[in-house]
Amino acid sequence: MHVILTGATGLVGSGVLDAMIKMKDVTKISILSRRPVKMAEDVKDPRINVIIHKDFEKYDSEVLSQLKGASGCVWALGISQTQVGKEEYVKITKDYALAASKAFQTLASEQEPFNFVYVSGGGATTQPGRFSAIFARVKGETELALAEMRRANPLFHGSSIRPAYIDASKHDAIKPYIPVQNALYRALNPIMGPAIRFGAQWAWSPTPDLGRFLTEMAMGRYKDQFKAKDIQMEGEFPILENSAFRRLAGLDRK
């Protein structure tokens, strides 16, 4: 199965790429990236095709021809709201995802719908309040826009996953490739990490399992398991909270 990945140089994307490489059912991996992907270079897997793509708001025929035959995409491209201004954050978080979704719909067919998996985040909301953070509001707006795309095109099977505490501490395969975290994160992580892993597992998103689950979603799995309290349905568009990911991935029994 041919799958597309963005954000392959980030924390989530690195976990997804490692999962894709380890899955025999994945026959081709198309990575859209602004720069070379070191992990892809090091593994030398013939299934991987890194497409250097500079403008994530435009997809010409040359790019789409390289993506032909893909059945799904894990959209892990993103950035922290603390690293850029609001306008740039909206562009990267929302505009890029919607532009890709519109372009990738052309890859779908009557025989095989296209699965677009948007990596959102814990705390995102489709019903923002007066004091909702920018990231929560913008990710929620993106989810609603993707839901509208799904309503308009039954062959576009969009979905959204809201991971919480994304943890690569036990994921040795990606440690050489993930971005260096800021000083505050590095200071708090030795305290927060164990507390979440052992005392609040519902918020724990270990990258090996998250990467595998996101890939499986892009391959069209779990579609008959979206009726649950921790899965918000916007029409046919599912928004999975972290607890839903953990349950479906087999990390939690309930």
C-alpha atoms as a PDB file:
ATOM      1  CA  MET A   1       0.000   0.000   0.000  1.00  0.00           C
ATOM      2  CA  HIS A   2       1.277   3.466  -0.944  1.00  0.00           C
ATOM      3  CA  VAL A   3       1.082   6.090   1.817  1.00  0.00           C
ATOM      4  CA  ILE A   4       2.102   9.748   2.040  1.00  0.00           C
ATOM      5  CA  LEU A   5       3.797  11.400   5.020  1.00  0.00           C
ATOM      6  CA  THR A   6       4.472  15.020   5.918  1.00  0.00           C
ATOM      7  CA  GLY A   7       6.352  16.335   8.937  1.00  0.00           C
ATOM      8  CA  ALA A   8       8.847  13.466   8.712  1.00  0.00           C
ATOM      9  CA  THR A   9      11.607  15.461  10.420  1.00  0.00           C
ATOM     10  CA  GLY A  10       9.446  16.213  13.481  1.00  0.00           C
ATOM     11  CA  LEU A  11       8.701  14.194  16.592  1.00  0.00           C
ATOM     12  CA  VAL A  12       5.412  12.639  15.462  1.00  0.00           C
ATOM     13  CA  GLY A  13       6.497  12.290  11.861  1.00  0.00           C
ATOM     14  CA  SER A  14       9.705  10.501  12.824  1.00  0.00           C
ATOM     15  CA  GLY A  15       7.647   7.986  14.785  1.00  0.00           C
ATOM     16  CA  VAL A  16       5.311   7.509  11.832  1.00  0.00           C
ATOM     17  CA  LEU A  17       8.169   7.026   9.381  1.00  0.00           C
ATOM     18  CA  ASP A  18       9.746   4.394  11.611  1.00  0.00           C
ATOM     19  CA  ALA A  19       6.396   2.595  11.828  1.00  0.00           C
ATOM     20  CA  MET A  20       5.894   2.725   8.052  1.00  0.00           C
ATOM     21  CA  ILE A  21       9.354   1.298   7.444  1.00  0.00           C
ATOM     22  CA  LYS A  22       8.615  -1.616   9.781  1.00  0.00           C
ATOM     23  CA  MET A  23       5.236  -2.450   8.224  1.00  0.00           C
ATOM     24  CA  LYS A  24       5.362  -4.982   5.388  1.00  0.00           C
ATOM     25  CA  ASP A  25       1.933  -3.903   4.153  1.00  0.00           C
ATOM     26  CA  VAL A  26       3.387  -0.507   3.235  1.00  0.00           C
ATOM     27  CA  THR A  27       4.811  -0.913  -0.263  1.00  0.00           C
ATOM     28  CA  LYS A  28       5.681   2.732  -0.976  1.00  0.00           C
ATOM     29  CA  ILE A  29       6.312   5.771   1.234  1.00  0.00           C
ATOM     30  CA  SER A  30       6.113   9.215  -0.358  1.00  0.00           C
ATOM     31  CA  ILE A  31       7.516  11.910   1.919  1.00  0.00           C
ATOM     32  CA  LEU A  32       6.764  15.553   1.210  1.00  0.00           C
ATOM     33  CA  SER A  33       9.447  17.677   2.835  1.00  0.00           C
ATOM     34  CA  ARG A  34      11.117  21.048   2.410  1.00  0.00           C
ATOM     35  CA  ARG A  35      14.499  19.526   3.082  1.00  0.00           C
ATOM     36  CA  PRO A  36      16.211  16.123   2.964  1.00  0.00           C
ATOM     37  CA  VAL A  37      15.061  13.618   5.581  1.00  0.00           C
ATOM     38  CA  LYS A  38      18.059  12.180   7.424  1.00  0.00           C
ATOM     39  CA  MET A  39      16.258   9.066   8.653  1.00  0.00           C
ATOM     40  CA  ALA A  40      15.181   8.230   5.120  1.00  0.00           C
ATOM     41  CA  GLU A  41      18.748   8.707   3.887  1.00  0.00           C
ATOM     42  CA  ASP A  42      20.172   6.472   6.605  1.00  0.00           C
ATOM     43  CA  VAL A  43      17.760   3.542   6.277  1.00  0.00           C
ATOM     44  CA  LYS A  44      18.201   3.385   2.482  1.00  0.00           C
ATOM     45  CA  ASP A  45      14.803   1.735   2.057  1.00  0.00           C
ATOM     46  CA  PRO A  46      13.881   1.497  -1.645  1.00  0.00           C
ATOM     47  CA  ARG A  47      10.220   2.029  -0.792  1.00  0.00           C
ATOM     48  CA  ILE A  48      10.907   5.620   0.301  1.00  0.00           C
ATOM     49  CA  ASN A  49      10.657   8.529  -2.114  1.00  0.00           C
ATOM     50  CA  VAL A  50      11.445  11.934  -0.611  1.00  0.00           C
ATOM     51  CA  ILE A  51       9.847  14.703  -2.654  1.00  0.00           C
ATOM     52  CA  ILE A  52      11.404  18.084  -1.908  1.00  0.00           C
ATOM     53  CA  HIS A  53       8.394  20.365  -1.807  1.00  0.00           C
ATOM     54  CA  LYS A  54       8.870  24.048  -1.047  1.00  0.00           C
ATOM     55  CA  ASP A  55       5.296  25.380  -1.171  1.00  0.00           C
ATOM     56  CA  PHE A  56       2.735  23.439   0.857  1.00  0.00           C
ATOM     57  CA  GLU A  57      -0.102  25.564  -0.490  1.00  0.00           C
ATOM     58  CA  LYS A  58       0.393  24.378  -4.077  1.00  0.00           C
ATOM     59  CA  TYR A  59       0.506  20.946  -5.704  1.00  0.00           C
ATOM     60  CA  ASP A  60       1.243  20.877  -9.408  1.00  0.00           C
ATOM     61  CA  SER A  61       0.809  17.960 -11.787  1.00  0.00           C
ATOM     62  CA  GLU A  62       4.447  16.903 -11.365  1.00  0.00           C
ATOM     63  CA  VAL A  63       4.047  16.452  -7.594  1.00  0.00           C
ATOM     64  CA  LEU A  64       0.662  14.754  -7.871  1.00  0.00           C
ATOM     65  CA  SER A  65       1.984  12.344 -10.477  1.00  0.00           C
ATOM     66  CA  GLN A  66       4.535  11.109  -7.920  1.00  0.00           C
ATOM     67  CA  LEU A  67       1.722  10.574  -5.418  1.00  0.00           C
ATOM     68  CA  LYS A  68      -0.511   8.677  -7.813  1.00  0.00           C
ATOM     69  CA  GLY A  69      -1.742   5.412  -6.382  1.00  0.00           C
ATOM     70  CA  ALA A  70      -1.480   6.545  -2.752  1.00  0.00           C
ATOM     71  CA  SER A  71      -4.350   5.372  -0.577  1.00  0.00           C
ATOM     72  CA  GLY A  72      -3.748   7.696   2.371  1.00  0.00           C
ATOM     73  CA  CYS A  73      -1.703  10.365   4.093  1.00  0.00           C
ATOM     74  CA  VAL A  74      -0.529  11.032   7.625  1.00  0.00           C
ATOM     75  CA  TRP A  75      -0.427  14.820   7.944  1.00  0.00           C
ATOM     76  CA  ALA A  76       2.093  15.273  10.762  1.00  0.00           C
ATOM     77  CA  LEU A  77       3.338  18.654   9.589  1.00  0.00           C
ATOM     78  CA  GLY A  78       3.052  21.224  12.374  1.00  0.00           C
ATOM     79  CA  ILE A  79       4.737  23.676  14.690  1.00  0.00           C
ATOM     80  CA  SER A  80       4.294  24.962  18.228  1.00  0.00           C
ATOM     81  CA  GLN A  81       2.325  28.184  18.579  1.00  0.00           C
ATOM     82  CA  THR A  82       5.215  29.501  20.701  1.00  0.00           C
ATOM     83  CA  GLN A  83       7.652  29.333  17.781  1.00  0.00           C
ATOM     84  CA  VAL A  84       5.867  31.560  15.257  1.00  0.00           C
ATOM     85  CA  GLY A  85       3.373  34.419  15.098  1.00  0.00           C
ATOM     86  CA  LYS A  86      -0.367  33.821  14.811  1.00  0.00           C
ATOM     87  CA  GLU A  87      -0.544  34.394  11.050  1.00  0.00           C
ATOM     88  CA  GLU A  88       2.275  31.946  10.340  1.00  0.00           C
ATOM     89  CA  TYR A  89       0.804  29.440  12.790  1.00  0.00           C
ATOM     90  CA  VAL A  90      -2.552  29.509  10.988  1.00  0.00           C
ATOM     91  CA  LYS A  91      -0.809  29.036   7.648  1.00  0.00           C
ATOM     92  CA  ILE A  92       1.214  26.027   8.794  1.00  0.00           C
ATOM     93  CA  THR A  93      -1.471  24.395  10.935  1.00  0.00           C
ATOM     94  CA  LYS A  94      -4.599  25.053   8.916  1.00  0.00           C
ATOM     95  CA  ASP A  95      -3.929  26.413   5.437  1.00  0.00           C
ATOM     96  CA  TYR A  96      -1.309  23.838   4.506  1.00  0.00           C
ATOM     97  CA  ALA A  97      -3.479  20.930   5.639  1.00  0.00           C
ATOM     98  CA  LEU A  98      -6.536  22.168   3.754  1.00  0.00           C
ATOM     99  CA  ALA A  99      -4.571  22.843   0.561  1.00  0.00           C
ATOM    100  CA  ALA A 100      -3.173  19.320   0.649  1.00  0.00           C
ATOM    101  CA  SER A 101      -6.580  17.813   1.389  1.00  0.00           C
ATOM    102  CA  LYS A 102      -8.076  19.559  -1.610  1.00  0.00           C
ATOM    103  CA  ALA A 103      -5.251  18.397  -3.887  1.00  0.00           C
ATOM    104  CA  PHE A 104      -5.121  14.833  -2.569  1.00  0.00           C
ATOM    105  CA  GLN A 105      -8.809  14.267  -3.237  1.00  0.00           C
ATOM    106  CA  THR A 106      -7.819  13.826  -6.866  1.00  0.00           C
ATOM    107  CA  LEU A 107      -5.931  10.672  -5.823  1.00  0.00           C
ATOM    108  CA  ALA A 108      -9.137   8.928  -4.730  1.00  0.00           C
ATOM    109  CA  SER A 109     -11.131   6.553  -6.875  1.00  0.00           C
ATOM    110  CA  GLU A 110     -14.487   4.791  -6.682  1.00  0.00           C
ATOM    111  CA  GLN A 111     -12.615   1.610  -5.832  1.00  0.00           C
ATOM    112  CA  GLU A 112     -10.358   3.188  -3.199  1.00  0.00           C
ATOM    113  CA  PRO A 113     -11.265   6.317  -1.185  1.00  0.00           C
ATOM    114  CA  PHE A 114      -8.400   8.492   0.040  1.00  0.00           C
ATOM    115  CA  ASN A 115      -7.665   8.472   3.794  1.00  0.00           C
ATOM    116  CA  PHE A 116      -6.367  11.782   5.149  1.00  0.00           C
ATOM    117  CA  VAL A 117      -5.246  11.564   8.794  1.00  0.00           C
ATOM    118  CA  TYR A 118      -4.744  14.959  10.428  1.00  0.00           C
ATOM    119  CA  VAL A 119      -2.529  15.025  13.509  1.00  0.00           C
ATOM    120  CA  SER A 120      -4.250  17.518  15.788  1.00  0.00           C
ATOM    121  CA  GLY A 121      -3.554  17.697  19.516  1.00  0.00           C
ATOM    122  CA  GLY A 122      -4.991  17.251  22.967  1.00  0.00           C
ATOM    123  CA  GLY A 123      -6.889  20.367  23.986  1.00  0.00           C
ATOM    124  CA  ALA A 124      -8.031  21.191  20.465  1.00  0.00           C
ATOM    125  CA  THR A 125     -11.701  22.146  20.311  1.00  0.00           C
ATOM    126  CA  THR A 126     -14.376  22.656  17.684  1.00  0.00           C
ATOM    127  CA  GLN A 127     -16.284  24.826  20.168  1.00  0.00           C
ATOM    128  CA  PRO A 128     -13.733  27.405  21.364  1.00  0.00           C
ATOM    129  CA  GLY A 129     -14.479  29.706  24.246  1.00  0.00           C
ATOM    130  CA  ARG A 130     -13.325  33.207  24.992  1.00  0.00           C
ATOM    131  CA  PHE A 131     -10.104  32.009  26.592  1.00  0.00           C
ATOM    132  CA  SER A 132      -9.272  29.109  24.262  1.00  0.00           C
ATOM    133  CA  ALA A 133      -5.617  29.026  23.238  1.00  0.00           C
ATOM    134  CA  ILE A 134      -4.682  29.789  19.648  1.00  0.00           C
ATOM    135  CA  PHE A 135      -3.590  26.213  18.967  1.00  0.00           C
ATOM    136  CA  ALA A 136      -6.859  24.809  20.335  1.00  0.00           C
ATOM    137  CA  ARG A 137      -8.951  27.160  18.222  1.00  0.00           C
ATOM    138  CA  VAL A 138      -6.981  26.783  14.975  1.00  0.00           C
ATOM    139  CA  LYS A 139      -6.741  22.996  15.140  1.00  0.00           C
ATOM    140  CA  GLY A 140     -10.477  22.834  15.845  1.00  0.00           C
ATOM    141  CA  GLU A 141     -11.189  25.098  12.865  1.00  0.00           C
ATOM    142  CA  THR A 142      -9.068  22.806  10.706  1.00  0.00           C
ATOM    143  CA  GLU A 143     -10.975  19.759  11.885  1.00  0.00           C
ATOM    144  CA  LEU A 144     -14.301  21.372  11.003  1.00  0.00           C
ATOM    145  CA  ALA A 145     -13.027  22.394   7.565  1.00  0.00           C
ATOM    146  CA  LEU A 146     -11.837  18.854   6.916  1.00  0.00           C
ATOM    147  CA  ALA A 147     -15.218  17.544   8.084  1.00  0.00           C
ATOM    148  CA  GLU A 148     -16.901  19.794   5.528  1.00  0.00           C
ATOM    149  CA  MET A 149     -14.613  18.409   2.821  1.00  0.00           C
ATOM    150  CA  ARG A 150     -15.662  14.918   3.791  1.00  0.00           C
ATOM    151  CA  ARG A 151     -19.329  15.893   3.553  1.00  0.00           C
ATOM    152  CA  ALA A 152     -18.758  17.307   0.077  1.00  0.00           C
ATOM    153  CA  ASN A 153     -16.764  14.331  -1.219  1.00  0.00           C
ATOM    154  CA  PRO A 154     -17.647  10.807  -0.021  1.00  0.00           C
ATOM    155  CA  LEU A 155     -14.367   9.529  -1.488  1.00  0.00           C
ATOM    156  CA  PHE A 156     -12.355  11.766   0.853  1.00  0.00           C
ATOM    157  CA  HIS A 157     -12.131   9.914   4.169  1.00  0.00           C
ATOM    158  CA  GLY A 158     -10.686  12.525   6.476  1.00  0.00           C
ATOM    159  CA  SER A 159     -10.105  11.973  10.193  1.00  0.00           C
ATOM    160  CA  SER A 160      -8.309  13.663  13.077  1.00  0.00           C
ATOM    161  CA  ILE A 161      -6.273  12.310  15.986  1.00  0.00           C
ATOM    162  CA  ARG A 162      -5.549  14.338  19.136  1.00  0.00           C
ATOM    163  CA  PRO A 163      -2.440  12.902  20.808  1.00  0.00           C
ATOM    164  CA  ALA A 164      -1.516  14.290  24.216  1.00  0.00           C
ATOM    165  CA  TYR A 165       1.895  13.746  25.865  1.00  0.00           C
ATOM    166  CA  ILE A 166       3.948  12.529  22.913  1.00  0.00           C
ATOM    167  CA  ASP A 167       6.763  10.443  24.326  1.00  0.00           C
ATOM    168  CA  ALA A 168       9.784   9.094  22.444  1.00  0.00           C
ATOM    169  CA  SER A 169      11.789   8.158  25.540  1.00  0.00           C
ATOM    170  CA  LYS A 170      11.700   4.434  24.680  1.00  0.00           C
ATOM    171  CA  HIS A 171      11.899   4.890  20.907  1.00  0.00           C
ATOM    172  CA  ASP A 172      15.612   4.513  20.255  1.00  0.00           C
ATOM    173  CA  ALA A 173      15.201   4.243  16.478  1.00  0.00           C
ATOM    174  CA  ILE A 174      14.121   7.879  16.134  1.00  0.00           C
ATOM    175  CA  LYS A 175      16.151   9.564  18.880  1.00  0.00           C
ATOM    176  CA  PRO A 176      18.986  10.647  16.553  1.00  0.00           C
ATOM    177  CA  TYR A 177      16.479  12.384  14.279  1.00  0.00           C
ATOM    178  CA  ILE A 178      13.934  14.179  16.446  1.00  0.00           C
ATOM    179  CA  PRO A 179      14.210  17.943  17.020  1.00  0.00           C
ATOM    180  CA  VAL A 180      15.922  19.268  20.136  1.00  0.00           C
ATOM    181  CA  GLN A 181      13.269  20.425  22.598  1.00  0.00           C
ATOM    182  CA  ASN A 182      13.375  23.842  24.253  1.00  0.00           C
ATOM    183  CA  ALA A 183      14.996  24.385  27.644  1.00  0.00           C
ATOM    184  CA  LEU A 184      11.706  24.488  29.572  1.00  0.00           C
ATOM    185  CA  TYR A 185      10.589  21.153  28.113  1.00  0.00           C
ATOM    186  CA  ARG A 186      13.946  19.550  28.889  1.00  0.00           C
ATOM    187  CA  ALA A 187      13.731  20.809  32.469  1.00  0.00           C
ATOM    188  CA  LEU A 188      10.182  19.615  33.100  1.00  0.00           C
ATOM    189  CA  ASN A 189      10.236  16.367  31.145  1.00  0.00           C
ATOM    190  CA  PRO A 190      12.124  14.303  33.781  1.00  0.00           C
ATOM    191  CA  ILE A 191       9.310  15.148  36.200  1.00  0.00           C
ATOM    192  CA  MET A 192       6.291  15.128  33.887  1.00  0.00           C
ATOM    193  CA  GLY A 193       7.290  12.030  31.930  1.00  0.00           C
ATOM    194  CA  PRO A 194       7.203   9.469  34.745  1.00  0.00           C
ATOM    195  CA  ALA A 195       4.128  11.115  36.270  1.00  0.00           C
ATOM    196  CA  ILE A 196       2.160  10.702  33.051  1.00  0.00           C
ATOM    197  CA  ARG A 197       3.499   7.256  32.174  1.00  0.00           C
ATOM    198  CA  PHE A 198       2.515   5.824  35.551  1.00  0.00           C
ATOM    199  CA  GLY A 199      -0.173   8.128  36.930  1.00  0.00           C
ATOM    200  CA  ALA A 200      -2.059   9.519  33.912  1.00  0.00           C
ATOM    201  CA  GLN A 201      -1.673   6.975  31.155  1.00  0.00           C
ATOM    202  CA  TRP A 202      -4.801   8.234  29.417  1.00  0.00           C
ATOM    203  CA  ALA A 203      -2.660  11.231  28.349  1.00  0.00           C
ATOM    204  CA  TRP A 204       0.359   9.177  27.266  1.00  0.00           C
ATOM    205  CA  SER A 205       1.108   8.939  23.536  1.00  0.00           C
ATOM    206  CA  PRO A 206       4.207   6.745  23.079  1.00  0.00           C
ATOM    207  CA  THR A 207       5.626   7.339  19.602  1.00  0.00           C
ATOM    208  CA  PRO A 208       6.078   3.666  18.568  1.00  0.00           C
ATOM    209  CA  ASP A 209       2.366   2.972  19.079  1.00  0.00           C
ATOM    210  CA  LEU A 210       1.219   6.366  17.833  1.00  0.00           C
ATOM    211  CA  GLY A 211       3.233   6.021  14.636  1.00  0.00           C
ATOM    212  CA  ARG A 212       1.816   2.592  13.924  1.00  0.00           C
ATOM    213  CA  PHE A 213      -1.747   3.679  14.677  1.00  0.00           C
ATOM    214  CA  LEU A 214      -1.579   6.767  12.454  1.00  0.00           C
ATOM    215  CA  THR A 215      -0.200   4.650   9.623  1.00  0.00           C
ATOM    216  CA  GLU A 216      -2.976   2.109  10.035  1.00  0.00           C
ATOM    217  CA  MET A 217      -5.540   4.914   9.957  1.00  0.00           C
ATOM    218  CA  ALA A 218      -4.039   6.130   6.682  1.00  0.00           C
ATOM    219  CA  MET A 219      -4.400   2.584   5.384  1.00  0.00           C
ATOM    220  CA  GLY A 220      -8.123   2.697   6.099  1.00  0.00           C
ATOM    221  CA  ARG A 221      -8.302   0.559   9.219  1.00  0.00           C
ATOM    222  CA  TYR A 222     -10.595   1.012  12.269  1.00  0.00           C
ATOM    223  CA  LYS A 223     -13.427   2.585  10.236  1.00  0.00           C
ATOM    224  CA  ASP A 224     -16.025   0.347  11.867  1.00  0.00           C
ATOM    225  CA  GLN A 225     -14.903   1.277  15.402  1.00  0.00           C
ATOM    226  CA  PHE A 226     -15.662   4.995  15.601  1.00  0.00           C
ATOM    227  CA  LYS A 227     -18.781   4.852  17.783  1.00  0.00           C
ATOM    228  CA  ALA A 228     -17.517   5.764  21.245  1.00  0.00           C
ATOM    229  CA  LYS A 229     -17.699   8.561  23.803  1.00  0.00           C
ATOM    230  CA  ASP A 230     -14.115   9.613  23.183  1.00  0.00           C
ATOM    231  CA  ILE A 231     -14.643   9.963  19.421  1.00  0.00           C
ATOM    232  CA  GLN A 232     -16.402  13.120  18.289  1.00  0.00           C
ATOM    233  CA  MET A 233     -18.229  12.704  15.000  1.00  0.00           C
ATOM    234  CA  GLU A 234     -18.705  15.708  12.741  1.00  0.00           C
ATOM    235  CA  GLY A 235     -20.927  14.074  10.166  1.00  0.00           C
ATOM    236  CA  GLU A 236     -18.782  11.166   8.960  1.00  0.00           C
ATOM    237  CA  PHE A 237     -15.564  12.835  10.127  1.00  0.00           C
ATOM    238  CA  PRO A 238     -14.157  11.223  13.310  1.00  0.00           C
ATOM    239  CA  ILE A 239     -12.085  13.180  15.833  1.00  0.00           C
ATOM    240  CA  LEU A 240     -10.276  10.758  18.124  1.00  0.00           C
ATOM    241  CA  GLU A 241      -9.147  11.855  21.562  1.00  0.00           C
ATOM    242  CA  ASN A 242      -5.954  10.332  22.935  1.00  0.00           C
ATOM    243  CA  SER A 243      -7.949   7.803  24.963  1.00  0.00           C
ATOM    244  CA  ALA A 244      -9.553   6.556  21.729  1.00  0.00           C
ATOM    245  CA  PHE A 245      -6.147   6.108  20.103  1.00  0.00           C
ATOM    246  CA  ARG A 246      -4.901   4.193  23.154  1.00  0.00           C
ATOM    247  CA  ARG A 247      -7.962   1.962  23.238  1.00  0.00           C
ATOM    248  CA  LEU A 248      -7.968   1.138  19.532  1.00  0.00           C
ATOM    249  CA  ALA A 249      -4.190   0.646  19.505  1.00  0.00           C
ATOM    250  CA  GLY A 250      -4.520  -1.921  22.291  1.00  0.00           C
ATOM    251  CA  LEU A 251      -2.765   0.135  24.964  1.00  0.00           C
ATOM    252  CA  ASP A 252      -5.840   0.282  27.186  1.00  0.00           C
ATOM    253  CA  ARG A 253      -8.493  -2.357  27.681  1.00  0.00           C
ATOM    254  CA  LYS A 254     -11.405   0.061  27.828  1.00  0.00           C
END
